[in-house]
Amino acid sequence: MNVLLTNDDGVYAEGIFILASYLVSAGHRVVVSAPDRERSATGHAITISYPLRAYKIKLNIKGEIDVYKIDGTPADCVKLGVEKLAGFKPDIIISGINDGPNLGYDVLYSGTVSAAIEGWMMGYTSIAVSLNSNGQYHFKTGADFIVRLLNNFDFLSLDQKMLLNINIPDLPGEKINGIKITKLGKSLYEDSFEKRFDPMGKPYYWLTGNNVDNNIHDSTDIWAIKNNYISITPLKIDLTDLSQIDILNHNLNNL
């Protein structure tokens, strides 16, 4: 398959390097179009106020692979990669492997997931894949799973393009309990800003906080990861709340 690969951790991140290596070794044609630096939690931002620059670089990966670092966001990397850099029409766009999970409401902040959404909006089946990092960094577990997924699921024959959010436990493959098809959970935080001062005495702020432990249902991605399952969540981007339309029509009828 022709694979466009991106991420939000940056082009030199371990996760994208290992995934690219596995995909090339499995016989896939891969082009990497990824940010030149860390771009986590940038959401679906795109660059419109200054030009983008792309630099072709080399990564120590055996086989034919073109790698570009972009001074833009993950969504920029997908747009530019598809339109100008890849040299082929992708069969699939993959974003990851992210260092850290993207579960529940966090998908709305995630540059990793937003890059996949951008690919889907452009008409391509797209996958975001993240590792629930706990210090072990089993990126190879995630890369092996993605290769097996591409080998065993016929994405090319789909009538409708898929948008998938995949989270992988940070474990050796043999310790994973299986696969769960899930829905998004509710990841909520108690946010706070820590005030500090720079050497000039001027204040600045760091966003901190704690995850609120919710009543987690066993159909959610959060439950699956907590119980050492691979979570696969099909996503859509229509945010319309259909349940509110009749209420609005009724109450605004005489406005």
C-alpha atoms as a PDB file:
ATOM      1  CA  MET A   1       0.000   0.000   0.000  1.00  0.00           C
ATOM      2  CA  ASN A   2       0.990   3.628  -0.500  1.00  0.00           C
ATOM      3  CA  VAL A   3       1.219   5.091   3.005  1.00  0.00           C
ATOM      4  CA  LEU A   4       1.563   8.731   4.010  1.00  0.00           C
ATOM      5  CA  LEU A   5       2.910   8.800   7.561  1.00  0.00           C
ATOM      6  CA  THR A   6       2.804  11.744   9.970  1.00  0.00           C
ATOM      7  CA  ASN A   7       2.627  12.501  13.705  1.00  0.00           C
ATOM      8  CA  ASP A   8       2.568  15.342  16.230  1.00  0.00           C
ATOM      9  CA  ASP A   9       5.662  14.359  18.245  1.00  0.00           C
ATOM     10  CA  GLY A  10       7.979  15.471  15.449  1.00  0.00           C
ATOM     11  CA  VAL A  11       9.834  13.778  12.638  1.00  0.00           C
ATOM     12  CA  TYR A  12      12.650  12.529  14.895  1.00  0.00           C
ATOM     13  CA  ALA A  13      10.333  10.859  17.425  1.00  0.00           C
ATOM     14  CA  GLU A  14      10.863   7.180  18.187  1.00  0.00           C
ATOM     15  CA  GLY A  15       7.264   6.201  17.468  1.00  0.00           C
ATOM     16  CA  ILE A  16       7.195   7.380  13.861  1.00  0.00           C
ATOM     17  CA  PHE A  17      10.680   5.977  13.201  1.00  0.00           C
ATOM     18  CA  ILE A  18       9.727   2.493  14.393  1.00  0.00           C
ATOM     19  CA  LEU A  19       6.390   2.507  12.560  1.00  0.00           C
ATOM     20  CA  ALA A  20       8.033   3.664   9.319  1.00  0.00           C
ATOM     21  CA  SER A  21      10.669   0.924   9.643  1.00  0.00           C
ATOM     22  CA  TYR A  22       8.038  -1.784  10.152  1.00  0.00           C
ATOM     23  CA  LEU A  23       5.899  -0.561   7.253  1.00  0.00           C
ATOM     24  CA  VAL A  24       8.839  -0.440   4.838  1.00  0.00           C
ATOM     25  CA  SER A  25      10.016  -3.894   5.949  1.00  0.00           C
ATOM     26  CA  ALA A  26       6.496  -5.215   5.296  1.00  0.00           C
ATOM     27  CA  GLY A  27       6.696  -4.020   1.691  1.00  0.00           C
ATOM     28  CA  HIS A  28       4.643  -0.838   1.894  1.00  0.00           C
ATOM     29  CA  ARG A  29       5.634   2.310   0.028  1.00  0.00           C
ATOM     30  CA  VAL A  30       6.046   5.012   2.667  1.00  0.00           C
ATOM     31  CA  VAL A  31       6.520   8.769   2.614  1.00  0.00           C
ATOM     32  CA  VAL A  32       6.930  10.609   5.920  1.00  0.00           C
ATOM     33  CA  SER A  33       5.627  14.179   6.173  1.00  0.00           C
ATOM     34  CA  ALA A  34       5.925  15.242   9.805  1.00  0.00           C
ATOM     35  CA  PRO A  35       6.507  18.348  11.934  1.00  0.00           C
ATOM     36  CA  ASP A  36      10.057  19.525  12.516  1.00  0.00           C
ATOM     37  CA  ARG A  37       9.428  19.644  16.284  1.00  0.00           C
ATOM     38  CA  GLU A  38       6.984  18.704  19.025  1.00  0.00           C
ATOM     39  CA  ARG A  39       3.435  19.725  18.085  1.00  0.00           C
ATOM     40  CA  SER A  40       1.364  17.879  20.678  1.00  0.00           C
ATOM     41  CA  ALA A  41      -2.070  19.257  21.612  1.00  0.00           C
ATOM     42  CA  THR A  42      -2.163  21.621  18.632  1.00  0.00           C
ATOM     43  CA  GLY A  43      -5.510  20.225  17.550  1.00  0.00           C
ATOM     44  CA  HIS A  44      -6.564  20.833  13.965  1.00  0.00           C
ATOM     45  CA  ALA A  45      -4.695  24.115  13.492  1.00  0.00           C
ATOM     46  CA  ILE A  46      -3.405  24.948  10.016  1.00  0.00           C
ATOM     47  CA  THR A  47      -0.904  27.605   8.959  1.00  0.00           C
ATOM     48  CA  ILE A  48      -2.266  30.533   6.943  1.00  0.00           C
ATOM     49  CA  SER A  49      -0.240  33.529   8.184  1.00  0.00           C
ATOM     50  CA  TYR A  50       3.192  32.508   6.889  1.00  0.00           C
ATOM     51  CA  PRO A  51       4.598  30.109   4.256  1.00  0.00           C
ATOM     52  CA  LEU A  52       5.405  26.502   5.029  1.00  0.00           C
ATOM     53  CA  ARG A  53       8.858  25.084   4.428  1.00  0.00           C
ATOM     54  CA  ALA A  54       9.644  21.434   3.783  1.00  0.00           C
ATOM     55  CA  TYR A  55      13.101  19.905   4.151  1.00  0.00           C
ATOM     56  CA  LYS A  56      14.004  16.469   2.835  1.00  0.00           C
ATOM     57  CA  ILE A  57      16.036  14.554   5.410  1.00  0.00           C
ATOM     58  CA  LYS A  58      17.405  11.069   5.965  1.00  0.00           C
ATOM     59  CA  LEU A  59      16.400   8.636   8.679  1.00  0.00           C
ATOM     60  CA  ASN A  60      18.325   5.435   9.323  1.00  0.00           C
ATOM     61  CA  ILE A  61      15.661   3.186   7.826  1.00  0.00           C
ATOM     62  CA  LYS A  62      16.469   0.304   5.490  1.00  0.00           C
ATOM     63  CA  GLY A  63      14.646   0.505   2.166  1.00  0.00           C
ATOM     64  CA  GLU A  64      13.230   3.210  -0.066  1.00  0.00           C
ATOM     65  CA  ILE A  65      11.609   6.005   1.914  1.00  0.00           C
ATOM     66  CA  ASP A  66      11.316   9.765   1.501  1.00  0.00           C
ATOM     67  CA  VAL A  67      11.204  11.783   4.713  1.00  0.00           C
ATOM     68  CA  TYR A  68      10.199  15.448   4.975  1.00  0.00           C
ATOM     69  CA  LYS A  69      10.209  17.689   8.020  1.00  0.00           C
ATOM     70  CA  ILE A  70       7.729  20.553   7.884  1.00  0.00           C
ATOM     71  CA  ASP A  71       7.703  23.759   9.929  1.00  0.00           C
ATOM     72  CA  GLY A  72       3.966  23.457  10.438  1.00  0.00           C
ATOM     73  CA  THR A  73       1.246  21.598  12.285  1.00  0.00           C
ATOM     74  CA  PRO A  74       0.274  17.933  11.873  1.00  0.00           C
ATOM     75  CA  ALA A  75      -2.694  18.952   9.702  1.00  0.00           C
ATOM     76  CA  ASP A  76      -0.324  21.067   7.573  1.00  0.00           C
ATOM     77  CA  CYS A  77       1.899  18.021   7.119  1.00  0.00           C
ATOM     78  CA  VAL A  78      -0.985  15.953   5.784  1.00  0.00           C
ATOM     79  CA  LYS A  79      -2.169  18.668   3.406  1.00  0.00           C
ATOM     80  CA  LEU A  80       1.309  19.372   2.052  1.00  0.00           C
ATOM     81  CA  GLY A  81       2.250  15.711   1.979  1.00  0.00           C
ATOM     82  CA  VAL A  82      -0.767  14.728  -0.105  1.00  0.00           C
ATOM     83  CA  GLU A  83      -0.731  17.725  -2.428  1.00  0.00           C
ATOM     84  CA  LYS A  84       2.994  18.235  -3.071  1.00  0.00           C
ATOM     85  CA  LEU A  85       5.429  15.839  -1.411  1.00  0.00           C
ATOM     86  CA  ALA A  86       4.288  12.219  -1.560  1.00  0.00           C
ATOM     87  CA  GLY A  87       4.557  11.687  -5.301  1.00  0.00           C
ATOM     88  CA  PHE A  88       1.682   9.196  -5.129  1.00  0.00           C
ATOM     89  CA  LYS A  89      -1.971   9.055  -4.172  1.00  0.00           C
ATOM     90  CA  PRO A  90      -2.047   7.526  -0.681  1.00  0.00           C
ATOM     91  CA  ASP A  91      -4.028   4.368  -0.079  1.00  0.00           C
ATOM     92  CA  ILE A  92      -4.052   5.239   3.608  1.00  0.00           C
ATOM     93  CA  ILE A  93      -2.816   7.976   5.935  1.00  0.00           C
ATOM     94  CA  ILE A  94      -1.418   6.995   9.332  1.00  0.00           C
ATOM     95  CA  SER A  95      -0.640   9.392  12.181  1.00  0.00           C
ATOM     96  CA  GLY A  96       1.640   8.090  14.945  1.00  0.00           C
ATOM     97  CA  ILE A  97       2.774   6.225  16.821  1.00  0.00           C
ATOM     98  CA  ASN A  98       2.080   8.896  19.421  1.00  0.00           C
ATOM     99  CA  ASP A  99       3.974   8.908  22.716  1.00  0.00           C
ATOM    100  CA  GLY A 100       0.962   8.912  25.022  1.00  0.00           C
ATOM    101  CA  PRO A 101      -2.698   7.915  24.710  1.00  0.00           C
ATOM    102  CA  ASN A 102      -5.427   9.799  22.872  1.00  0.00           C
ATOM    103  CA  LEU A 103      -8.598   8.713  24.648  1.00  0.00           C
ATOM    104  CA  GLY A 104     -12.054  10.160  25.141  1.00  0.00           C
ATOM    105  CA  TYR A 105     -12.399  13.924  24.828  1.00  0.00           C
ATOM    106  CA  ASP A 106      -8.625  14.253  24.369  1.00  0.00           C
ATOM    107  CA  VAL A 107      -9.114  13.559  20.654  1.00  0.00           C
ATOM    108  CA  LEU A 108     -10.356  17.158  20.365  1.00  0.00           C
ATOM    109  CA  TYR A 109      -6.961  18.488  21.502  1.00  0.00           C
ATOM    110  CA  SER A 110      -4.803  15.909  19.782  1.00  0.00           C
ATOM    111  CA  GLY A 111      -2.567  16.819  16.863  1.00  0.00           C
ATOM    112  CA  THR A 112      -2.196  13.095  16.188  1.00  0.00           C
ATOM    113  CA  VAL A 113      -5.924  12.536  15.790  1.00  0.00           C
ATOM    114  CA  SER A 114      -6.424  15.830  13.947  1.00  0.00           C
ATOM    115  CA  ALA A 115      -3.869  14.795  11.336  1.00  0.00           C
ATOM    116  CA  ALA A 116      -5.905  11.647  10.712  1.00  0.00           C
ATOM    117  CA  ILE A 117      -9.095  13.702  10.562  1.00  0.00           C
ATOM    118  CA  GLU A 118      -7.468  15.951   7.957  1.00  0.00           C
ATOM    119  CA  GLY A 119      -6.608  12.904   5.878  1.00  0.00           C
ATOM    120  CA  TRP A 120     -10.182  11.641   6.124  1.00  0.00           C
ATOM    121  CA  MET A 121     -11.536  15.073   5.148  1.00  0.00           C
ATOM    122  CA  MET A 122      -9.319  14.909   2.057  1.00  0.00           C
ATOM    123  CA  GLY A 123     -10.936  11.615   1.078  1.00  0.00           C
ATOM    124  CA  TYR A 124      -8.554   8.990   2.467  1.00  0.00           C
ATOM    125  CA  THR A 125      -8.946   6.226   5.002  1.00  0.00           C
ATOM    126  CA  SER A 126      -6.945   7.490   7.969  1.00  0.00           C
ATOM    127  CA  ILE A 127      -5.710   6.023  11.231  1.00  0.00           C
ATOM    128  CA  ALA A 128      -4.423   7.700  14.386  1.00  0.00           C
ATOM    129  CA  VAL A 129      -2.378   5.343  16.550  1.00  0.00           C
ATOM    130  CA  SER A 130      -1.114   6.089  20.055  1.00  0.00           C
ATOM    131  CA  LEU A 131       0.826   4.211  22.730  1.00  0.00           C
ATOM    132  CA  ASN A 132      -0.420   4.412  26.315  1.00  0.00           C
ATOM    133  CA  SER A 133       3.143   5.180  27.407  1.00  0.00           C
ATOM    134  CA  ASN A 134       4.075   4.232  30.961  1.00  0.00           C
ATOM    135  CA  GLY A 135       7.855   4.343  30.630  1.00  0.00           C
ATOM    136  CA  GLN A 136       8.330   1.027  28.809  1.00  0.00           C
ATOM    137  CA  TYR A 137       7.872   2.464  25.297  1.00  0.00           C
ATOM    138  CA  HIS A 138       6.740  -0.675  23.483  1.00  0.00           C
ATOM    139  CA  PHE A 139       6.384   1.134  20.164  1.00  0.00           C
ATOM    140  CA  LYS A 140       7.233  -2.127  18.404  1.00  0.00           C
ATOM    141  CA  THR A 141       4.017  -3.638  19.778  1.00  0.00           C
ATOM    142  CA  GLY A 142       2.050  -0.847  18.117  1.00  0.00           C
ATOM    143  CA  ALA A 143       4.001  -1.032  14.862  1.00  0.00           C
ATOM    144  CA  ASP A 144       3.542  -4.798  14.641  1.00  0.00           C
ATOM    145  CA  PHE A 145      -0.200  -4.419  15.194  1.00  0.00           C
ATOM    146  CA  ILE A 146      -0.546  -1.781  12.454  1.00  0.00           C
ATOM    147  CA  VAL A 147       1.317  -3.997   9.977  1.00  0.00           C
ATOM    148  CA  ARG A 148      -0.950  -6.937  10.852  1.00  0.00           C
ATOM    149  CA  LEU A 149      -4.015  -4.705  10.540  1.00  0.00           C
ATOM    150  CA  LEU A 150      -3.015  -3.574   7.041  1.00  0.00           C
ATOM    151  CA  ASN A 151      -2.314  -7.168   6.029  1.00  0.00           C
ATOM    152  CA  ASN A 152      -5.623  -8.550   7.308  1.00  0.00           C
ATOM    153  CA  PHE A 153      -8.169  -5.776   6.717  1.00  0.00           C
ATOM    154  CA  ASP A 154      -8.967  -4.862   3.110  1.00  0.00           C
ATOM    155  CA  PHE A 155      -9.109  -1.081   3.447  1.00  0.00           C
ATOM    156  CA  LEU A 156      -8.856  -0.656  -0.337  1.00  0.00           C
ATOM    157  CA  SER A 157     -12.239  -2.294  -0.980  1.00  0.00           C
ATOM    158  CA  LEU A 158     -14.228  -0.045   1.370  1.00  0.00           C
ATOM    159  CA  ASP A 159     -17.120   1.926  -0.123  1.00  0.00           C
ATOM    160  CA  GLN A 160     -16.710   4.582   2.570  1.00  0.00           C
ATOM    161  CA  LYS A 161     -13.386   5.806   3.886  1.00  0.00           C
ATOM    162  CA  MET A 162     -12.709   4.980   7.534  1.00  0.00           C
ATOM    163  CA  LEU A 163     -11.406   7.219  10.303  1.00  0.00           C
ATOM    164  CA  LEU A 164      -9.986   5.159  13.175  1.00  0.00           C
ATOM    165  CA  ASN A 165      -8.476   6.097  16.523  1.00  0.00           C
ATOM    166  CA  ILE A 166      -6.315   3.267  17.861  1.00  0.00           C
ATOM    167  CA  ASN A 167      -4.710   3.119  21.302  1.00  0.00           C
ATOM    168  CA  ILE A 168      -2.147   0.469  22.224  1.00  0.00           C
ATOM    169  CA  PRO A 169      -1.227  -0.692  25.756  1.00  0.00           C
ATOM    170  CA  ASP A 170       2.444  -0.131  26.604  1.00  0.00           C
ATOM    171  CA  LEU A 171       3.121  -3.850  26.875  1.00  0.00           C
ATOM    172  CA  PRO A 172       4.822  -6.655  24.972  1.00  0.00           C
ATOM    173  CA  GLY A 173       2.420  -8.112  22.435  1.00  0.00           C
ATOM    174  CA  GLU A 174       1.948 -11.378  24.311  1.00  0.00           C
ATOM    175  CA  LYS A 175       0.670  -9.524  27.395  1.00  0.00           C
ATOM    176  CA  ILE A 176      -2.121  -7.706  25.555  1.00  0.00           C
ATOM    177  CA  ASN A 177      -5.549  -9.185  26.295  1.00  0.00           C
ATOM    178  CA  GLY A 178      -6.991  -8.665  22.816  1.00  0.00           C
ATOM    179  CA  ILE A 179      -8.804  -6.047  20.755  1.00  0.00           C
ATOM    180  CA  LYS A 180     -11.912  -4.056  21.655  1.00  0.00           C
ATOM    181  CA  ILE A 181     -14.014  -1.999  19.238  1.00  0.00           C
ATOM    182  CA  THR A 182     -14.933   0.944  21.425  1.00  0.00           C
ATOM    183  CA  LYS A 183     -16.611   4.312  21.688  1.00  0.00           C
ATOM    184  CA  LEU A 184     -15.009   7.433  23.128  1.00  0.00           C
ATOM    185  CA  GLY A 185     -15.043   7.702  26.893  1.00  0.00           C
ATOM    186  CA  LYS A 186     -15.311  10.901  28.922  1.00  0.00           C
ATOM    187  CA  SER A 187     -11.828  12.080  29.841  1.00  0.00           C
ATOM    188  CA  LEU A 188     -12.219  15.052  32.181  1.00  0.00           C
ATOM    189  CA  TYR A 189      -9.581  17.072  34.020  1.00  0.00           C
ATOM    190  CA  GLU A 190      -9.332  19.384  36.987  1.00  0.00           C
ATOM    191  CA  ASP A 191      -7.174  22.067  35.374  1.00  0.00           C
ATOM    192  CA  SER A 192      -5.042  24.579  37.205  1.00  0.00           C
ATOM    193  CA  PHE A 193      -2.396  27.098  36.214  1.00  0.00           C
ATOM    194  CA  GLU A 194       0.849  27.243  38.160  1.00  0.00           C
ATOM    195  CA  LYS A 195       2.215  30.773  38.346  1.00  0.00           C
ATOM    196  CA  ARG A 196       5.986  31.207  38.133  1.00  0.00           C
ATOM    197  CA  PHE A 197       8.377  34.066  37.492  1.00  0.00           C
ATOM    198  CA  ASP A 198      11.130  34.426  34.900  1.00  0.00           C
ATOM    199  CA  PRO A 199      14.598  35.886  35.732  1.00  0.00           C
ATOM    200  CA  MET A 200      13.250  39.364  34.936  1.00  0.00           C
ATOM    201  CA  GLY A 201      10.545  38.965  37.558  1.00  0.00           C
ATOM    202  CA  LYS A 202       7.721  38.707  35.037  1.00  0.00           C
ATOM    203  CA  PRO A 203       5.017  36.086  35.641  1.00  0.00           C
ATOM    204  CA  TYR A 204       4.271  33.132  33.399  1.00  0.00           C
ATOM    205  CA  TYR A 205       1.915  30.185  33.744  1.00  0.00           C
ATOM    206  CA  TRP A 206       2.118  26.405  33.318  1.00  0.00           C
ATOM    207  CA  LEU A 207      -1.080  24.453  32.726  1.00  0.00           C
ATOM    208  CA  THR A 208      -1.262  21.531  35.145  1.00  0.00           C
ATOM    209  CA  GLY A 209      -4.042  19.400  36.563  1.00  0.00           C
ATOM    210  CA  ASN A 210      -5.293  15.940  37.336  1.00  0.00           C
ATOM    211  CA  ASN A 211      -7.466  13.459  35.506  1.00  0.00           C
ATOM    212  CA  VAL A 212     -10.904  13.047  37.053  1.00  0.00           C
ATOM    213  CA  ASP A 213     -11.616   9.351  37.550  1.00  0.00           C
ATOM    214  CA  ASN A 214     -15.036   8.876  35.981  1.00  0.00           C
ATOM    215  CA  ASN A 215     -17.451   5.974  36.010  1.00  0.00           C
ATOM    216  CA  ILE A 216     -15.824   4.151  33.092  1.00  0.00           C
ATOM    217  CA  HIS A 217     -18.088   1.915  31.011  1.00  0.00           C
ATOM    218  CA  ASP A 218     -16.641  -1.252  29.537  1.00  0.00           C
ATOM    219  CA  SER A 219     -17.587  -0.168  26.009  1.00  0.00           C
ATOM    220  CA  THR A 220     -15.181   2.793  26.052  1.00  0.00           C
ATOM    221  CA  ASP A 221     -11.624   3.284  24.880  1.00  0.00           C
ATOM    222  CA  ILE A 222     -10.577   4.333  28.398  1.00  0.00           C
ATOM    223  CA  TRP A 223     -11.806   1.046  29.896  1.00  0.00           C
ATOM    224  CA  ALA A 224     -10.124  -0.985  27.157  1.00  0.00           C
ATOM    225  CA  ILE A 225      -6.718   0.591  27.737  1.00  0.00           C
ATOM    226  CA  LYS A 226      -7.015   0.320  31.528  1.00  0.00           C
ATOM    227  CA  ASN A 227      -7.648  -3.397  31.050  1.00  0.00           C
ATOM    228  CA  ASN A 228      -4.774  -3.952  28.605  1.00  0.00           C
ATOM    229  CA  TYR A 229      -6.815  -4.226  25.413  1.00  0.00           C
ATOM    230  CA  ILE A 230      -6.048  -2.536  22.110  1.00  0.00           C
ATOM    231  CA  SER A 231      -8.813   0.005  21.553  1.00  0.00           C
ATOM    232  CA  ILE A 232     -10.126   0.758  18.057  1.00  0.00           C
ATOM    233  CA  THR A 233     -12.655   3.584  17.891  1.00  0.00           C
ATOM    234  CA  PRO A 234     -14.327   4.579  14.600  1.00  0.00           C
ATOM    235  CA  LEU A 235     -14.749   8.350  14.498  1.00  0.00           C
ATOM    236  CA  LYS A 236     -16.892  10.844  12.614  1.00  0.00           C
ATOM    237  CA  ILE A 237     -16.596  14.633  12.532  1.00  0.00           C
ATOM    238  CA  ASP A 238     -20.214  15.818  12.361  1.00  0.00           C
ATOM    239  CA  LEU A 239     -20.614  17.675  15.675  1.00  0.00           C
ATOM    240  CA  THR A 240     -24.252  18.607  15.099  1.00  0.00           C
ATOM    241  CA  ASP A 241     -26.429  17.904  18.144  1.00  0.00           C
ATOM    242  CA  LEU A 242     -29.607  16.722  16.413  1.00  0.00           C
ATOM    243  CA  SER A 243     -31.462  16.469  19.733  1.00  0.00           C
ATOM    244  CA  GLN A 244     -31.358  20.264  20.127  1.00  0.00           C
ATOM    245  CA  ILE A 245     -32.743  21.237  16.708  1.00  0.00           C
ATOM    246  CA  ASP A 246     -36.444  20.853  17.584  1.00  0.00           C
ATOM    247  CA  ILE A 247     -35.918  22.629  20.920  1.00  0.00           C
ATOM    248  CA  LEU A 248     -34.283  25.589  19.184  1.00  0.00           C
ATOM    249  CA  ASN A 249     -36.963  25.726  16.491  1.00  0.00           C
ATOM    250  CA  HIS A 250     -39.719  25.703  19.122  1.00  0.00           C
ATOM    251  CA  ASN A 251     -38.182  28.336  21.398  1.00  0.00           C
ATOM    252  CA  LEU A 252     -36.947  30.673  18.673  1.00  0.00           C
ATOM    253  CA  ASN A 253     -40.107  30.478  16.583  1.00  0.00           C
ATOM    254  CA  ASN A 254     -41.159  34.052  17.362  1.00  0.00           C
ATOM    255  CA  LEU A 255     -37.730  35.663  17.430  1.00  0.00           C
END
